[in-house]
Amino acid sequence: MGYCKVPCVFLLCLFISFCLPCQLLADEVDKNLTAQLFIDASERSSSPIPQTLFGIFFEEKAFNMSIHEEINHAGAGGLWAELVSNRGFEAGGANIPSNIDPWSIIGDETSIIVSTDRSSCFERNKVALKMEVLCNSEGTHICPSGGVGIYNPGFWGMNIEQGKSYKIVFYVRSTGAIDISVSFTSSDGLQTLSSTNIKASASDVSNWTKMEVLLEAKETNHNSRLQLTTSKNGVVWFDQVSAMPLDTYKGHGFRNELVEMLADIKPRFIRFPGGCFVEGEWLRNAFRWKASVGPWEERPGHFGDVWMYWTDDGLGYFEFLQLAEDLGALPIWVFNNGISHNDQVDTSSVLPFVQEALDGIEFARGDASSTWGAVRAAMGHPEPFDLKYVAIGNEDCGKKNYRGNYLKFYDAIKRAYPDIKIITNCDGSSRPLDHPTDLYDFHVYTSANNLFSMSHQFDRTTRQGPKAFVSEYAVTGKDAGTGSLLAALAEAAFLIGLEKNSDVVHMASYAPLFVNSNDRRWNPDAIVFNSFQAYGTPSYWVQRFFTESSGATLLNATLQKDSSNSLVASAITWKNSEDGQTYIRIKVVNFGSNSVNLQISVDGLDPNSVKLSGSTKTTLTSANLMDENSFKEPKKVAPIQTLLEDAHKDMSVLLLPHSFTSFDLLKESVSLRITEDDSSLVSSI
């Protein structure tokens, strides 16, 4: 008996040690919520998603903001690759003397005097910089080592990279011969990255003369400046100083890595240039397209009084149209309708504004022999741009003159261009509109919980009449921080709702798109950048989940769940243009704090129509709901893709708490299952 006691005790301990953890694990599994997702993949229950569903918006905007206007230095000092800030010395205003900021002087007042005058050769940009050099390279008053002059730090430092070339252009005139050093240096001027000298006789520069040089950087410095210096006494005038990297997106002047991040979203449209940028606080400071086309030196620029900074309008109407074409996206032009934040043109006087809009359409679409089409052709684009959508104003519905002004624009545009789709500022999602339109604008900025619940916003919207353009949406406030996982999950649920209602919602874009980390005017944003770095916030990564949705096929997806209301799901079929394969993409947001065991059942397919190899799962989550990305950790919250094990048309998956997950199920090329009711229907997928 004594012999038996030891093995028995040992077996009892062994049983406890193995079974207790198993029971605890079972208890944990039991705590998981359960749900079922039924997907009908048959052709008769599916519907096409508009080709235009998801795009981007670029602007600068107050109070309500979107990606598609000049805000947060998204354009000047961002997407547009120009390195010089205030290149025409116009930012200080038309009156002289004026502020030349951010230009600064090299040398003291015993050696150099810098001022502004109105002697420029450009009629719309009359201010020029005058530099009186009092020292010389020899004699009694010798210039300091390196000379005297001016420098420009760009937009919080110029990113100059070793081996890359930069085109420097400026206009100069002088009372005598010149010997000017053009250099990129470190921010303190002590490190020279690249330099060249320009010499010219007095007769060569007695009138305004354009100078161009190429500088190749010998070293890298992300916080550089451009210097124009001399050790030759005399009087020299400068105007329209530009520095552009040769390496820009498709050679069209856009910063490569920022446009590539846009291209990765696969936007089907770009709404531009705003936003409040289009309106202005006052009409006198509103963006005017005619002032933003033609040679860059002749563009007057303007002060954006909504976001309170100057822009040279190097990124103008033409450049936005070019960007849309480069991205393979449709341009959506937002123009001023005679209304700003503080003043309005009476409807009886609005016809000149109507004509300006018609001229803008002709610029984009007109034949090269037309008045404004010829201007476009002279800028290097003889073929028309594919402008099919215009928006009459921004957030102006309810203002006294909007309806009257809108009808003037609508009637004139439809007479001249009946195919153009017109977008009104007035929301038609909950009640009929009192004026004709093709699409209506819908903006929403709210908390995470509210936006999550708005995944059903368009479920009950009438299917008749104009379609919705959700041109600005985002989670804002304390839920968003500067770009949190919490905000992204709510936005993902909202987008799933838009996708499932894409018979009535034809377009949607996040706002705002960009922010320069040195000049945050709005939080959060999709893409954060400085002079040399960029990262996507979790909201950016959410948009990457929907890159294949536009033009895909929406499947009928129905959730059956227990007491939890934390799930939102959709399903589409899409074809990969790279490998020619067809996939079913299932997207699910788990907005709750518990894991969910989800049983997925796909009906309408043959039993072996889903391949085990090639199917993937992609998950966006993090340890903390308020986790954000940063320059230090650019992908702290970013999607992780893995191969999907046991992929099948009937499968069980675990959804992590606070997560956004997509499943791409690779389909075989097989026919849909034929039932007695649809025996005449055979469709190859």
Foldseek 3Di string as FASTA:
>chain_A
DVVPPVVVVVVVVVCCVPVVVVVVVVVQVVPFFAWAKEFAPAPVQWFWFALQAEFAACCAAPPFFFAAACHLVCPFQHFFQWQFDCLFQPFQDDDPFGDSPPKDKFDDPQAKDKTWDQCDPFPLRRIWIKIFGNAACDDDRFAPPPAIFMKGQGFQHAWAAAFFKKKKKKKKAFQFKFKKKKFKAAPVRPGTFWIDIDTDGNVQRNDIDMDMDMTHGRHTDRRIMITIGGRHGGMMIIGRIIMGTCDAQVSLRTHHVLLVLSLLLLRQEYEDHDYLLQAAQDNVQHDQQVLLADDLRNRNWGARRSNGGTDSSVVGPLNQLVSCVSSNHAYEYEHELQHHNHDGDALVPRVVVLVSVVLSQCLQANACPDPNLVRNVVVPDRHHGRHQHYEHHELCPPPDRQVSSVVVNVVVCCVVPVRHFYEYADDPFPHHDPDAGQEYEDADEEALVVLLVCLCVNVPGDLDHHAYADAEYWYDDPLAVQFWLSGQLSVLSNVLSCLVVSSRHNYHYYGHAEHEPVRDPGGHHQKYHHNPDIFGKSNSQSSSLCSFSNRWMWIDMDMDTDPDPQKHKTWTWGADPVPRFIWIKIKMFRAAQRKYKYKAAYAQADFCFFDQPPKKKKKWDAPDRGDIADRVRRVNTHIDMDRDHPDGNTDIDMGHHSMMMMIITTTDQDWTDDDPVPNVDTDTD
